[in-house]
Amino acid sequence: MLVSMKEMLEDARKNHYALPAFDVSNYEMMKAVLEACEEERSPALLMGLGVDLGGKGLDLITSMVKEASRFFSVPVCFHLDHATDFEFIKAAAKAGFSSVMYDGSVLPFEENAKNTAEIVKFAHSKGITVEAELGHVGNAMVGNEGDSVMNEDPEDTLTLPDEVARFVEITDVDALAIAIGTAHGVYKKTPTLRIDRLDEITAVCDRPLVLHGGSGTPDDQMKAAIRHGITKINIYSDVVGAMNSALLNKLKSIQNPSTWPAFVFEDARVQMKEVVKSKLRTFGSSGRI
């Protein structure tokens, strides 16, 4: 049984730790995250990416996570990551997601707030948590775009503190993703988080704050962000990178092209779990169950 993200984040905010939220694209990633959370006694916050949810993927992946949650004793939430379409959010709610993120961060403030408010009203009627984004977290190297880099200076798209309280008042959103210097994907240079800007935001915001682009951000900066109010940190590139690196090395060593996946993925499973456990411990969510 999937649970709401709201209760998870409220506990993290109250007790000054953060929940790492892991995008899971397939069975192996899901299994690694759930097993690591169970072994670390941490709530399990899994996310689904739009690129994996096309066609029947939405129902298949959601059904997989929902059914898997029955076999673990830690609470499990499945959160829709970076949805930009209301109809898709409705479909995700029907499929069984217990939490959604509406990303209107590239829209003008008023349009972002209006859309978010409509989605919050719908989602709350279904008992579903809503995360939104104010400011804009851009991309470093993501997906298949091996040479992609951020087109904008992160400083130009930081969250403006004077907009935060008004946005929350208009939308009644449950959690707010903010831009304080991170980017999605693999960094080409180490980011520097604007903890001063985070302090300005926490001073005017009474909702849990979310940081996207947690992969590759140094642990000391992550810990500082948590101390100053961040309660959810999205992780994808670090886990999928561990999986892909292990698979690459394994496949290079295999001569039999029909080797069973159970053996092909064995090193990837170990390395993914190591990354997940490291995040759980660093962010303080280990031992919370």
C-alpha atoms as a PDB file:
ATOM      1  CA  MET A   1       0.000   0.000   0.000  1.00  0.00           C
ATOM      2  CA  LEU A   2       1.491   3.315  -1.086  1.00  0.00           C
ATOM      3  CA  VAL A   3       1.430   6.197   1.378  1.00  0.00           C
ATOM      4  CA  SER A   4       1.261   9.956   0.960  1.00  0.00           C
ATOM      5  CA  MET A   5       4.462  11.960   0.716  1.00  0.00           C
ATOM      6  CA  LYS A   6       3.007  14.686   2.939  1.00  0.00           C
ATOM      7  CA  GLU A   7       3.437  12.746   6.185  1.00  0.00           C
ATOM      8  CA  MET A   8       6.974  11.714   5.221  1.00  0.00           C
ATOM      9  CA  LEU A   9       8.027  15.307   4.582  1.00  0.00           C
ATOM     10  CA  GLU A  10       6.349  16.647   7.706  1.00  0.00           C
ATOM     11  CA  ASP A  11       8.387  14.235   9.837  1.00  0.00           C
ATOM     12  CA  ALA A  12      11.590  15.145   7.989  1.00  0.00           C
ATOM     13  CA  ARG A  13      10.897  18.843   8.500  1.00  0.00           C
ATOM     14  CA  LYS A  14      10.075  18.374  12.177  1.00  0.00           C
ATOM     15  CA  ASN A  15      13.187  16.285  12.861  1.00  0.00           C
ATOM     16  CA  HIS A  16      15.625  18.165  10.614  1.00  0.00           C
ATOM     17  CA  TYR A  17      16.593  15.521   8.087  1.00  0.00           C
ATOM     18  CA  ALA A  18      15.894  15.055   4.386  1.00  0.00           C
ATOM     19  CA  LEU A  19      14.447  12.233   2.342  1.00  0.00           C
ATOM     20  CA  PRO A  20      16.333  11.282  -0.792  1.00  0.00           C
ATOM     21  CA  ALA A  21      13.801  10.723  -3.576  1.00  0.00           C
ATOM     22  CA  PHE A  22      14.960   8.225  -6.191  1.00  0.00           C
ATOM     23  CA  ASP A  23      13.711   8.051  -9.770  1.00  0.00           C
ATOM     24  CA  VAL A  24      13.318   4.381 -10.688  1.00  0.00           C
ATOM     25  CA  SER A  25      13.190   3.497 -14.374  1.00  0.00           C
ATOM     26  CA  ASN A  26      12.977  -0.286 -14.154  1.00  0.00           C
ATOM     27  CA  TYR A  27      12.649  -3.286 -11.861  1.00  0.00           C
ATOM     28  CA  GLU A  28      16.337  -3.403 -10.937  1.00  0.00           C
ATOM     29  CA  MET A  29      16.401   0.231  -9.807  1.00  0.00           C
ATOM     30  CA  MET A  30      13.169  -0.176  -7.858  1.00  0.00           C
ATOM     31  CA  LYS A  31      14.425  -3.313  -6.130  1.00  0.00           C
ATOM     32  CA  ALA A  32      17.754  -1.694  -5.208  1.00  0.00           C
ATOM     33  CA  VAL A  33      16.052   1.337  -3.648  1.00  0.00           C
ATOM     34  CA  LEU A  34      13.458  -0.661  -1.720  1.00  0.00           C
ATOM     35  CA  GLU A  35      15.990  -3.157  -0.387  1.00  0.00           C
ATOM     36  CA  ALA A  36      18.382  -0.398   0.668  1.00  0.00           C
ATOM     37  CA  CYS A  37      15.597   1.506   2.448  1.00  0.00           C
ATOM     38  CA  GLU A  38      14.450  -1.653   4.204  1.00  0.00           C
ATOM     39  CA  GLU A  39      17.972  -2.473   5.365  1.00  0.00           C
ATOM     40  CA  GLU A  40      18.563   1.118   6.500  1.00  0.00           C
ATOM     41  CA  ARG A  41      15.098   1.424   8.109  1.00  0.00           C
ATOM     42  CA  SER A  42      14.289   4.522   6.091  1.00  0.00           C
ATOM     43  CA  PRO A  43      11.047   5.618   4.448  1.00  0.00           C
ATOM     44  CA  ALA A  44      11.208   4.800   0.731  1.00  0.00           C
ATOM     45  CA  LEU A  45      10.439   7.696  -1.607  1.00  0.00           C
ATOM     46  CA  LEU A  46      10.425   6.501  -5.211  1.00  0.00           C
ATOM     47  CA  MET A  47       9.669   8.608  -8.283  1.00  0.00           C
ATOM     48  CA  GLY A  48       8.539   7.985 -11.851  1.00  0.00           C
ATOM     49  CA  LEU A  49       9.939   9.924 -14.809  1.00  0.00           C
ATOM     50  CA  GLY A  50       7.820  10.862 -17.801  1.00  0.00           C
ATOM     51  CA  VAL A  51      10.289   9.275 -20.229  1.00  0.00           C
ATOM     52  CA  ASP A  52       9.555   5.884 -18.632  1.00  0.00           C
ATOM     53  CA  LEU A  53       5.779   6.300 -18.420  1.00  0.00           C
ATOM     54  CA  GLY A  54       4.681   6.476 -22.042  1.00  0.00           C
ATOM     55  CA  GLY A  55       2.012   4.128 -23.365  1.00  0.00           C
ATOM     56  CA  LYS A  56       1.328   1.316 -20.916  1.00  0.00           C
ATOM     57  CA  GLY A  57       4.417   2.281 -18.919  1.00  0.00           C
ATOM     58  CA  LEU A  58       2.336   4.464 -16.611  1.00  0.00           C
ATOM     59  CA  ASP A  59       0.163   1.562 -15.461  1.00  0.00           C
ATOM     60  CA  LEU A  60       2.905  -1.061 -15.577  1.00  0.00           C
ATOM     61  CA  ILE A  61       5.476   0.793 -13.477  1.00  0.00           C
ATOM     62  CA  THR A  62       2.892   2.053 -11.001  1.00  0.00           C
ATOM     63  CA  SER A  63       1.457  -1.438 -10.587  1.00  0.00           C
ATOM     64  CA  MET A  64       4.955  -2.817 -10.073  1.00  0.00           C
ATOM     65  CA  VAL A  65       5.789  -0.329  -7.310  1.00  0.00           C
ATOM     66  CA  LYS A  66       2.393  -0.665  -5.628  1.00  0.00           C
ATOM     67  CA  GLU A  67       2.636  -4.453  -5.540  1.00  0.00           C
ATOM     68  CA  ALA A  68       6.280  -4.409  -4.429  1.00  0.00           C
ATOM     69  CA  SER A  69       5.426  -2.112  -1.506  1.00  0.00           C
ATOM     70  CA  ARG A  70       3.423  -4.955   0.071  1.00  0.00           C
ATOM     71  CA  PHE A  71       6.599  -6.961   0.615  1.00  0.00           C
ATOM     72  CA  PHE A  72       8.498  -4.300   2.565  1.00  0.00           C
ATOM     73  CA  SER A  73       7.883  -3.088   6.102  1.00  0.00           C
ATOM     74  CA  VAL A  74       8.982   0.527   5.503  1.00  0.00           C
ATOM     75  CA  PRO A  75       6.454   3.059   4.159  1.00  0.00           C
ATOM     76  CA  VAL A  76       6.644   3.520   0.386  1.00  0.00           C
ATOM     77  CA  CYS A  77       5.538   6.554  -1.618  1.00  0.00           C
ATOM     78  CA  PHE A  78       5.485   6.711  -5.426  1.00  0.00           C
ATOM     79  CA  HIS A  79       5.806  10.277  -6.687  1.00  0.00           C
ATOM     80  CA  LEU A  80       5.302  11.528 -10.235  1.00  0.00           C
ATOM     81  CA  ASP A  81       8.330  13.638 -11.158  1.00  0.00           C
ATOM     82  CA  HIS A  82       8.206  16.758 -13.369  1.00  0.00           C
ATOM     83  CA  ALA A  83       4.748  16.485 -14.893  1.00  0.00           C
ATOM     84  CA  THR A  84       3.737  19.468 -17.010  1.00  0.00           C
ATOM     85  CA  ASP A  85       0.325  18.286 -18.256  1.00  0.00           C
ATOM     86  CA  PHE A  86      -2.827  18.232 -16.119  1.00  0.00           C
ATOM     87  CA  GLU A  87      -4.345  15.325 -18.060  1.00  0.00           C
ATOM     88  CA  PHE A  88      -1.243  13.241 -17.468  1.00  0.00           C
ATOM     89  CA  ILE A  89      -1.432  14.042 -13.748  1.00  0.00           C
ATOM     90  CA  LYS A  90      -5.043  12.858 -13.746  1.00  0.00           C
ATOM     91  CA  ALA A  91      -3.962   9.632 -15.462  1.00  0.00           C
ATOM     92  CA  ALA A  92      -1.187   9.170 -12.900  1.00  0.00           C
ATOM     93  CA  ALA A  93      -3.679   9.614 -10.063  1.00  0.00           C
ATOM     94  CA  LYS A  94      -5.935   7.000 -11.633  1.00  0.00           C
ATOM     95  CA  ALA A  95      -2.977   4.632 -12.052  1.00  0.00           C
ATOM     96  CA  GLY A  96      -2.195   4.890  -8.342  1.00  0.00           C
ATOM     97  CA  PHE A  97       0.543   7.475  -7.768  1.00  0.00           C
ATOM     98  CA  SER A  98       0.302   8.728  -4.185  1.00  0.00           C
ATOM     99  CA  SER A  99       2.080  12.017  -4.914  1.00  0.00           C
ATOM    100  CA  VAL A 100       2.652  14.233  -7.961  1.00  0.00           C
ATOM    101  CA  MET A 101       4.848  17.121  -8.986  1.00  0.00           C
ATOM    102  CA  TYR A 102       3.488  19.779 -11.298  1.00  0.00           C
ATOM    103  CA  ASP A 103       6.348  21.655 -12.950  1.00  0.00           C
ATOM    104  CA  GLY A 104       5.246  25.037 -14.217  1.00  0.00           C
ATOM    105  CA  SER A 105       8.610  26.611 -13.468  1.00  0.00           C
ATOM    106  CA  VAL A 106       9.183  27.926 -17.004  1.00  0.00           C
ATOM    107  CA  LEU A 107       5.823  29.710 -16.988  1.00  0.00           C
ATOM    108  CA  PRO A 108       5.145  33.247 -15.761  1.00  0.00           C
ATOM    109  CA  PHE A 109       4.393  33.387 -12.025  1.00  0.00           C
ATOM    110  CA  GLU A 110       0.638  33.944 -12.371  1.00  0.00           C
ATOM    111  CA  GLU A 111       0.175  31.070 -14.837  1.00  0.00           C
ATOM    112  CA  ASN A 112       2.307  28.708 -12.756  1.00  0.00           C
ATOM    113  CA  ALA A 113       0.325  29.593  -9.611  1.00  0.00           C
ATOM    114  CA  LYS A 114      -3.060  29.278 -11.360  1.00  0.00           C
ATOM    115  CA  ASN A 115      -2.245  25.869 -12.833  1.00  0.00           C
ATOM    116  CA  THR A 116      -0.768  24.614  -9.576  1.00  0.00           C
ATOM    117  CA  ALA A 117      -3.844  25.691  -7.612  1.00  0.00           C
ATOM    118  CA  GLU A 118      -6.120  23.749  -9.974  1.00  0.00           C
ATOM    119  CA  ILE A 119      -3.969  20.635  -9.674  1.00  0.00           C
ATOM    120  CA  VAL A 120      -3.792  20.931  -5.881  1.00  0.00           C
ATOM    121  CA  LYS A 121      -7.593  21.126  -5.666  1.00  0.00           C
ATOM    122  CA  PHE A 122      -7.930  17.992  -7.803  1.00  0.00           C
ATOM    123  CA  ALA A 123      -5.147  16.054  -6.077  1.00  0.00           C
ATOM    124  CA  HIS A 124      -6.238  16.875  -2.543  1.00  0.00           C
ATOM    125  CA  SER A 125      -9.712  15.541  -3.346  1.00  0.00           C
ATOM    126  CA  LYS A 126      -7.978  12.222  -4.075  1.00  0.00           C
ATOM    127  CA  GLY A 127      -5.701  12.296  -1.015  1.00  0.00           C
ATOM    128  CA  ILE A 128      -2.651  12.935  -3.208  1.00  0.00           C
ATOM    129  CA  THR A 129       0.280  15.175  -2.234  1.00  0.00           C
ATOM    130  CA  VAL A 130       1.391  17.930  -4.622  1.00  0.00           C
ATOM    131  CA  GLU A 131       4.855  19.382  -5.140  1.00  0.00           C
ATOM    132  CA  ALA A 132       5.395  22.422  -7.366  1.00  0.00           C
ATOM    133  CA  GLU A 133       8.449  24.381  -8.490  1.00  0.00           C
ATOM    134  CA  LEU A 134       9.129  28.096  -8.179  1.00  0.00           C
ATOM    135  CA  GLY A 135      12.258  29.408  -9.792  1.00  0.00           C
ATOM    136  CA  HIS A 136      13.737  27.024 -12.345  1.00  0.00           C
ATOM    137  CA  VAL A 137      16.295  24.221 -11.992  1.00  0.00           C
ATOM    138  CA  GLY A 138      17.916  23.764 -15.400  1.00  0.00           C
ATOM    139  CA  ASN A 139      19.810  20.854 -16.952  1.00  0.00           C
ATOM    140  CA  ALA A 140      23.464  19.911 -17.021  1.00  0.00           C
ATOM    141  CA  MET A 141      24.084  16.638 -18.955  1.00  0.00           C
ATOM    142  CA  VAL A 142      20.837  14.650 -19.006  1.00  0.00           C
ATOM    143  CA  GLY A 143      19.256  11.722 -20.836  1.00  0.00           C
ATOM    144  CA  ASN A 144      20.716  11.134 -24.297  1.00  0.00           C
ATOM    145  CA  GLU A 145      21.986  14.695 -24.588  1.00  0.00           C
ATOM    146  CA  GLY A 146      25.637  13.891 -23.953  1.00  0.00           C
ATOM    147  CA  ASP A 147      26.821  17.382 -24.788  1.00  0.00           C
ATOM    148  CA  SER A 148      23.964  19.343 -23.248  1.00  0.00           C
ATOM    149  CA  VAL A 149      24.732  22.092 -20.783  1.00  0.00           C
ATOM    150  CA  MET A 150      22.601  24.697 -19.091  1.00  0.00           C
ATOM    151  CA  ASN A 151      21.738  27.500 -21.453  1.00  0.00           C
ATOM    152  CA  GLU A 152      21.061  29.881 -18.594  1.00  0.00           C
ATOM    153  CA  ASP A 153      23.128  31.054 -15.671  1.00  0.00           C
ATOM    154  CA  PRO A 154      21.637  29.389 -12.554  1.00  0.00           C
ATOM    155  CA  GLU A 155      21.780  32.774 -10.834  1.00  0.00           C
ATOM    156  CA  ASP A 156      19.236  34.080 -13.353  1.00  0.00           C
ATOM    157  CA  THR A 157      16.615  31.487 -12.427  1.00  0.00           C
ATOM    158  CA  LEU A 158      16.920  31.316  -8.633  1.00  0.00           C
ATOM    159  CA  THR A 159      13.718  31.285  -6.589  1.00  0.00           C
ATOM    160  CA  LEU A 160      12.695  34.781  -5.502  1.00  0.00           C
ATOM    161  CA  PRO A 161      11.825  34.855  -1.768  1.00  0.00           C
ATOM    162  CA  ASP A 162       9.257  37.615  -2.203  1.00  0.00           C
ATOM    163  CA  GLU A 163       7.235  35.325  -4.515  1.00  0.00           C
ATOM    164  CA  VAL A 164       7.262  32.262  -2.259  1.00  0.00           C
ATOM    165  CA  ALA A 165       4.679  33.235   0.362  1.00  0.00           C
ATOM    166  CA  ARG A 166       2.285  34.516  -2.314  1.00  0.00           C
ATOM    167  CA  PHE A 167       2.683  31.313  -4.343  1.00  0.00           C
ATOM    168  CA  VAL A 168       1.927  29.117  -1.323  1.00  0.00           C
ATOM    169  CA  GLU A 169      -1.063  31.244  -0.373  1.00  0.00           C
ATOM    170  CA  ILE A 170      -2.540  31.028  -3.887  1.00  0.00           C
ATOM    171  CA  THR A 171      -1.879  27.314  -4.418  1.00  0.00           C
ATOM    172  CA  ASP A 172      -1.916  25.621  -0.982  1.00  0.00           C
ATOM    173  CA  VAL A 173       0.784  23.340  -2.395  1.00  0.00           C
ATOM    174  CA  ASP A 174       2.174  20.661  -0.042  1.00  0.00           C
ATOM    175  CA  ALA A 175       5.864  20.977  -0.950  1.00  0.00           C
ATOM    176  CA  LEU A 176       7.875  23.489  -2.929  1.00  0.00           C
ATOM    177  CA  ALA A 177      10.891  22.767  -5.117  1.00  0.00           C
ATOM    178  CA  ILE A 178      13.227  25.744  -5.198  1.00  0.00           C
ATOM    179  CA  ALA A 179      16.218  26.821  -7.258  1.00  0.00           C
ATOM    180  CA  ILE A 180      19.309  27.694  -5.228  1.00  0.00           C
ATOM    181  CA  GLY A 181      22.093  26.661  -7.613  1.00  0.00           C
ATOM    182  CA  THR A 182      21.657  22.980  -8.538  1.00  0.00           C
ATOM    183  CA  ALA A 183      20.980  21.449 -11.969  1.00  0.00           C
ATOM    184  CA  HIS A 184      19.559  18.186 -13.241  1.00  0.00           C
ATOM    185  CA  GLY A 185      21.966  15.575 -14.583  1.00  0.00           C
ATOM    186  CA  VAL A 186      25.752  15.350 -14.520  1.00  0.00           C
ATOM    187  CA  TYR A 187      27.652  18.514 -13.629  1.00  0.00           C
ATOM    188  CA  LYS A 188      30.575  19.753 -15.686  1.00  0.00           C
ATOM    189  CA  LYS A 189      31.664  21.860 -12.733  1.00  0.00           C
ATOM    190  CA  THR A 190      30.866  21.622  -9.045  1.00  0.00           C
ATOM    191  CA  PRO A 191      27.801  23.671  -8.075  1.00  0.00           C
ATOM    192  CA  THR A 192      27.781  26.205  -5.275  1.00  0.00           C
ATOM    193  CA  LEU A 193      24.500  26.303  -3.388  1.00  0.00           C
ATOM    194  CA  ARG A 194      23.088  29.659  -2.346  1.00  0.00           C
ATOM    195  CA  ILE A 195      22.450  28.871   1.301  1.00  0.00           C
ATOM    196  CA  ASP A 196      21.824  32.573   1.908  1.00  0.00           C
ATOM    197  CA  ARG A 197      18.943  32.438  -0.569  1.00  0.00           C
ATOM    198  CA  LEU A 198      17.650  29.271   1.107  1.00  0.00           C
ATOM    199  CA  ASP A 199      17.590  31.095   4.446  1.00  0.00           C
ATOM    200  CA  GLU A 200      15.555  33.902   2.901  1.00  0.00           C
ATOM    201  CA  ILE A 201      13.059  31.353   1.570  1.00  0.00           C
ATOM    202  CA  THR A 202      12.707  29.360   4.798  1.00  0.00           C
ATOM    203  CA  ALA A 203      11.986  32.602   6.619  1.00  0.00           C
ATOM    204  CA  VAL A 204       8.797  33.107   4.586  1.00  0.00           C
ATOM    205  CA  CYS A 205       7.722  29.536   3.736  1.00  0.00           C
ATOM    206  CA  ASP A 206       5.843  27.139   6.000  1.00  0.00           C
ATOM    207  CA  ARG A 207       5.923  24.180   3.567  1.00  0.00           C
ATOM    208  CA  PRO A 208       8.587  21.474   3.122  1.00  0.00           C
ATOM    209  CA  LEU A 209      11.278  22.567   0.668  1.00  0.00           C
ATOM    210  CA  VAL A 210      12.635  20.367  -2.107  1.00  0.00           C
ATOM    211  CA  LEU A 211      15.986  20.410  -3.879  1.00  0.00           C
ATOM    212  CA  HIS A 212      16.253  18.949  -7.384  1.00  0.00           C
ATOM    213  CA  GLY A 213      19.599  18.058  -8.927  1.00  0.00           C
ATOM    214  CA  GLY A 214      21.029  16.350  -5.849  1.00  0.00           C
ATOM    215  CA  SER A 215      23.287  13.990  -7.805  1.00  0.00           C
ATOM    216  CA  GLY A 216      26.877  15.170  -7.908  1.00  0.00           C
ATOM    217  CA  THR A 217      26.356  17.933  -5.368  1.00  0.00           C
ATOM    218  CA  PRO A 218      29.024  17.607  -2.624  1.00  0.00           C
ATOM    219  CA  ASP A 219      27.865  16.057   0.635  1.00  0.00           C
ATOM    220  CA  ASP A 220      28.919  19.046   2.709  1.00  0.00           C
ATOM    221  CA  GLN A 221      26.664  21.309   0.665  1.00  0.00           C
ATOM    222  CA  MET A 222      23.818  18.785   0.903  1.00  0.00           C
ATOM    223  CA  LYS A 223      24.173  18.666   4.684  1.00  0.00           C
ATOM    224  CA  ALA A 224      24.211  22.455   4.864  1.00  0.00           C
ATOM    225  CA  ALA A 225      21.044  22.648   2.763  1.00  0.00           C
ATOM    226  CA  ILE A 226      19.337  20.158   5.092  1.00  0.00           C
ATOM    227  CA  ARG A 227      20.383  22.122   8.177  1.00  0.00           C
ATOM    228  CA  HIS A 228      18.878  25.215   6.597  1.00  0.00           C
ATOM    229  CA  GLY A 229      15.512  23.677   5.717  1.00  0.00           C
ATOM    230  CA  ILE A 230      15.607  21.273   2.747  1.00  0.00           C
ATOM    231  CA  THR A 231      13.520  18.142   3.441  1.00  0.00           C
ATOM    232  CA  LYS A 232      13.490  16.288   0.085  1.00  0.00           C
ATOM    233  CA  ILE A 233      16.378  15.884  -2.361  1.00  0.00           C
ATOM    234  CA  ASN A 234      15.913  14.311  -5.795  1.00  0.00           C
ATOM    235  CA  ILE A 235      18.485  11.735  -6.923  1.00  0.00           C
ATOM    236  CA  TYR A 236      18.722  10.025 -10.304  1.00  0.00           C
ATOM    237  CA  SER A 237      22.049  10.436 -12.107  1.00  0.00           C
ATOM    238  CA  ASP A 238      24.117   8.996  -9.246  1.00  0.00           C
ATOM    239  CA  VAL A 239      22.037   5.785  -9.183  1.00  0.00           C
ATOM    240  CA  VAL A 240      21.578   5.296 -12.918  1.00  0.00           C
ATOM    241  CA  GLY A 241      25.268   6.136 -13.391  1.00  0.00           C
ATOM    242  CA  ALA A 242      26.242   3.400 -10.927  1.00  0.00           C
ATOM    243  CA  MET A 243      23.991   0.954 -12.768  1.00  0.00           C
ATOM    244  CA  ASN A 244      25.299   1.849 -16.213  1.00  0.00           C
ATOM    245  CA  SER A 245      28.959   1.779 -15.170  1.00  0.00           C
ATOM    246  CA  ALA A 246      28.573  -1.639 -13.575  1.00  0.00           C
ATOM    247  CA  LEU A 247      26.687  -2.985 -16.599  1.00  0.00           C
ATOM    248  CA  LEU A 248      29.321  -1.669 -18.972  1.00  0.00           C
ATOM    249  CA  ASN A 249      32.120  -3.392 -17.055  1.00  0.00           C
ATOM    250  CA  LYS A 250      30.135  -6.605 -16.690  1.00  0.00           C
ATOM    251  CA  LEU A 251      29.157  -6.808 -20.351  1.00  0.00           C
ATOM    252  CA  LYS A 252      32.757  -6.259 -21.402  1.00  0.00           C
ATOM    253  CA  SER A 253      33.742  -9.283 -19.329  1.00  0.00           C
ATOM    254  CA  ILE A 254      31.007 -11.589 -20.622  1.00  0.00           C
ATOM    255  CA  GLN A 255      31.686 -13.799 -23.613  1.00  0.00           C
ATOM    256  CA  ASN A 256      28.332 -15.571 -23.727  1.00  0.00           C
ATOM    257  CA  PRO A 257      25.786 -13.172 -25.304  1.00  0.00           C
ATOM    258  CA  SER A 258      22.896 -15.141 -23.802  1.00  0.00           C
ATOM    259  CA  THR A 259      24.033 -14.720 -20.185  1.00  0.00           C
ATOM    260  CA  TRP A 260      20.996 -14.414 -17.953  1.00  0.00           C
ATOM    261  CA  PRO A 261      20.118 -10.914 -16.729  1.00  0.00           C
ATOM    262  CA  ALA A 262      20.259 -12.170 -13.131  1.00  0.00           C
ATOM    263  CA  PHE A 263      24.037 -12.429 -13.589  1.00  0.00           C
ATOM    264  CA  VAL A 264      24.430  -9.434 -15.907  1.00  0.00           C
ATOM    265  CA  PHE A 265      22.890  -7.131 -13.266  1.00  0.00           C
ATOM    266  CA  GLU A 266      24.544  -8.613 -10.175  1.00  0.00           C
ATOM    267  CA  ASP A 267      27.282  -5.961  -9.860  1.00  0.00           C
ATOM    268  CA  ALA A 268      24.873  -3.183 -10.815  1.00  0.00           C
ATOM    269  CA  ARG A 269      22.574  -4.179  -7.948  1.00  0.00           C
ATOM    270  CA  VAL A 270      25.403  -3.956  -5.443  1.00  0.00           C
ATOM    271  CA  GLN A 271      26.626  -0.589  -6.690  1.00  0.00           C
ATOM    272  CA  MET A 272      23.153   0.949  -6.848  1.00  0.00           C
ATOM    273  CA  LYS A 273      22.407  -0.119  -3.280  1.00  0.00           C
ATOM    274  CA  GLU A 274      25.700   1.369  -2.105  1.00  0.00           C
ATOM    275  CA  VAL A 275      24.774   4.723  -3.655  1.00  0.00           C
ATOM    276  CA  VAL A 276      21.255   4.630  -2.192  1.00  0.00           C
ATOM    277  CA  LYS A 277      22.499   3.742   1.286  1.00  0.00           C
ATOM    278  CA  SER A 278      25.079   6.506   1.145  1.00  0.00           C
ATOM    279  CA  LYS A 279      22.353   9.070   0.380  1.00  0.00           C
ATOM    280  CA  LEU A 280      20.090   7.733   3.129  1.00  0.00           C
ATOM    281  CA  ARG A 281      22.870   8.037   5.691  1.00  0.00           C
ATOM    282  CA  THR A 282      24.144  11.410   4.480  1.00  0.00           C
ATOM    283  CA  PHE A 283      20.679  12.973   4.466  1.00  0.00           C
ATOM    284  CA  GLY A 284      19.770  11.525   7.860  1.00  0.00           C
ATOM    285  CA  SER A 285      16.815   9.341   6.877  1.00  0.00           C
ATOM    286  CA  SER A 286      18.425   6.053   7.968  1.00  0.00           C
ATOM    287  CA  GLY A 287      16.974   4.625  11.156  1.00  0.00           C
ATOM    288  CA  ARG A 288      13.777   6.681  11.058  1.00  0.00           C
ATOM    289  CA  ILE A 289      11.476   3.625  10.968  1.00  0.00           C
END
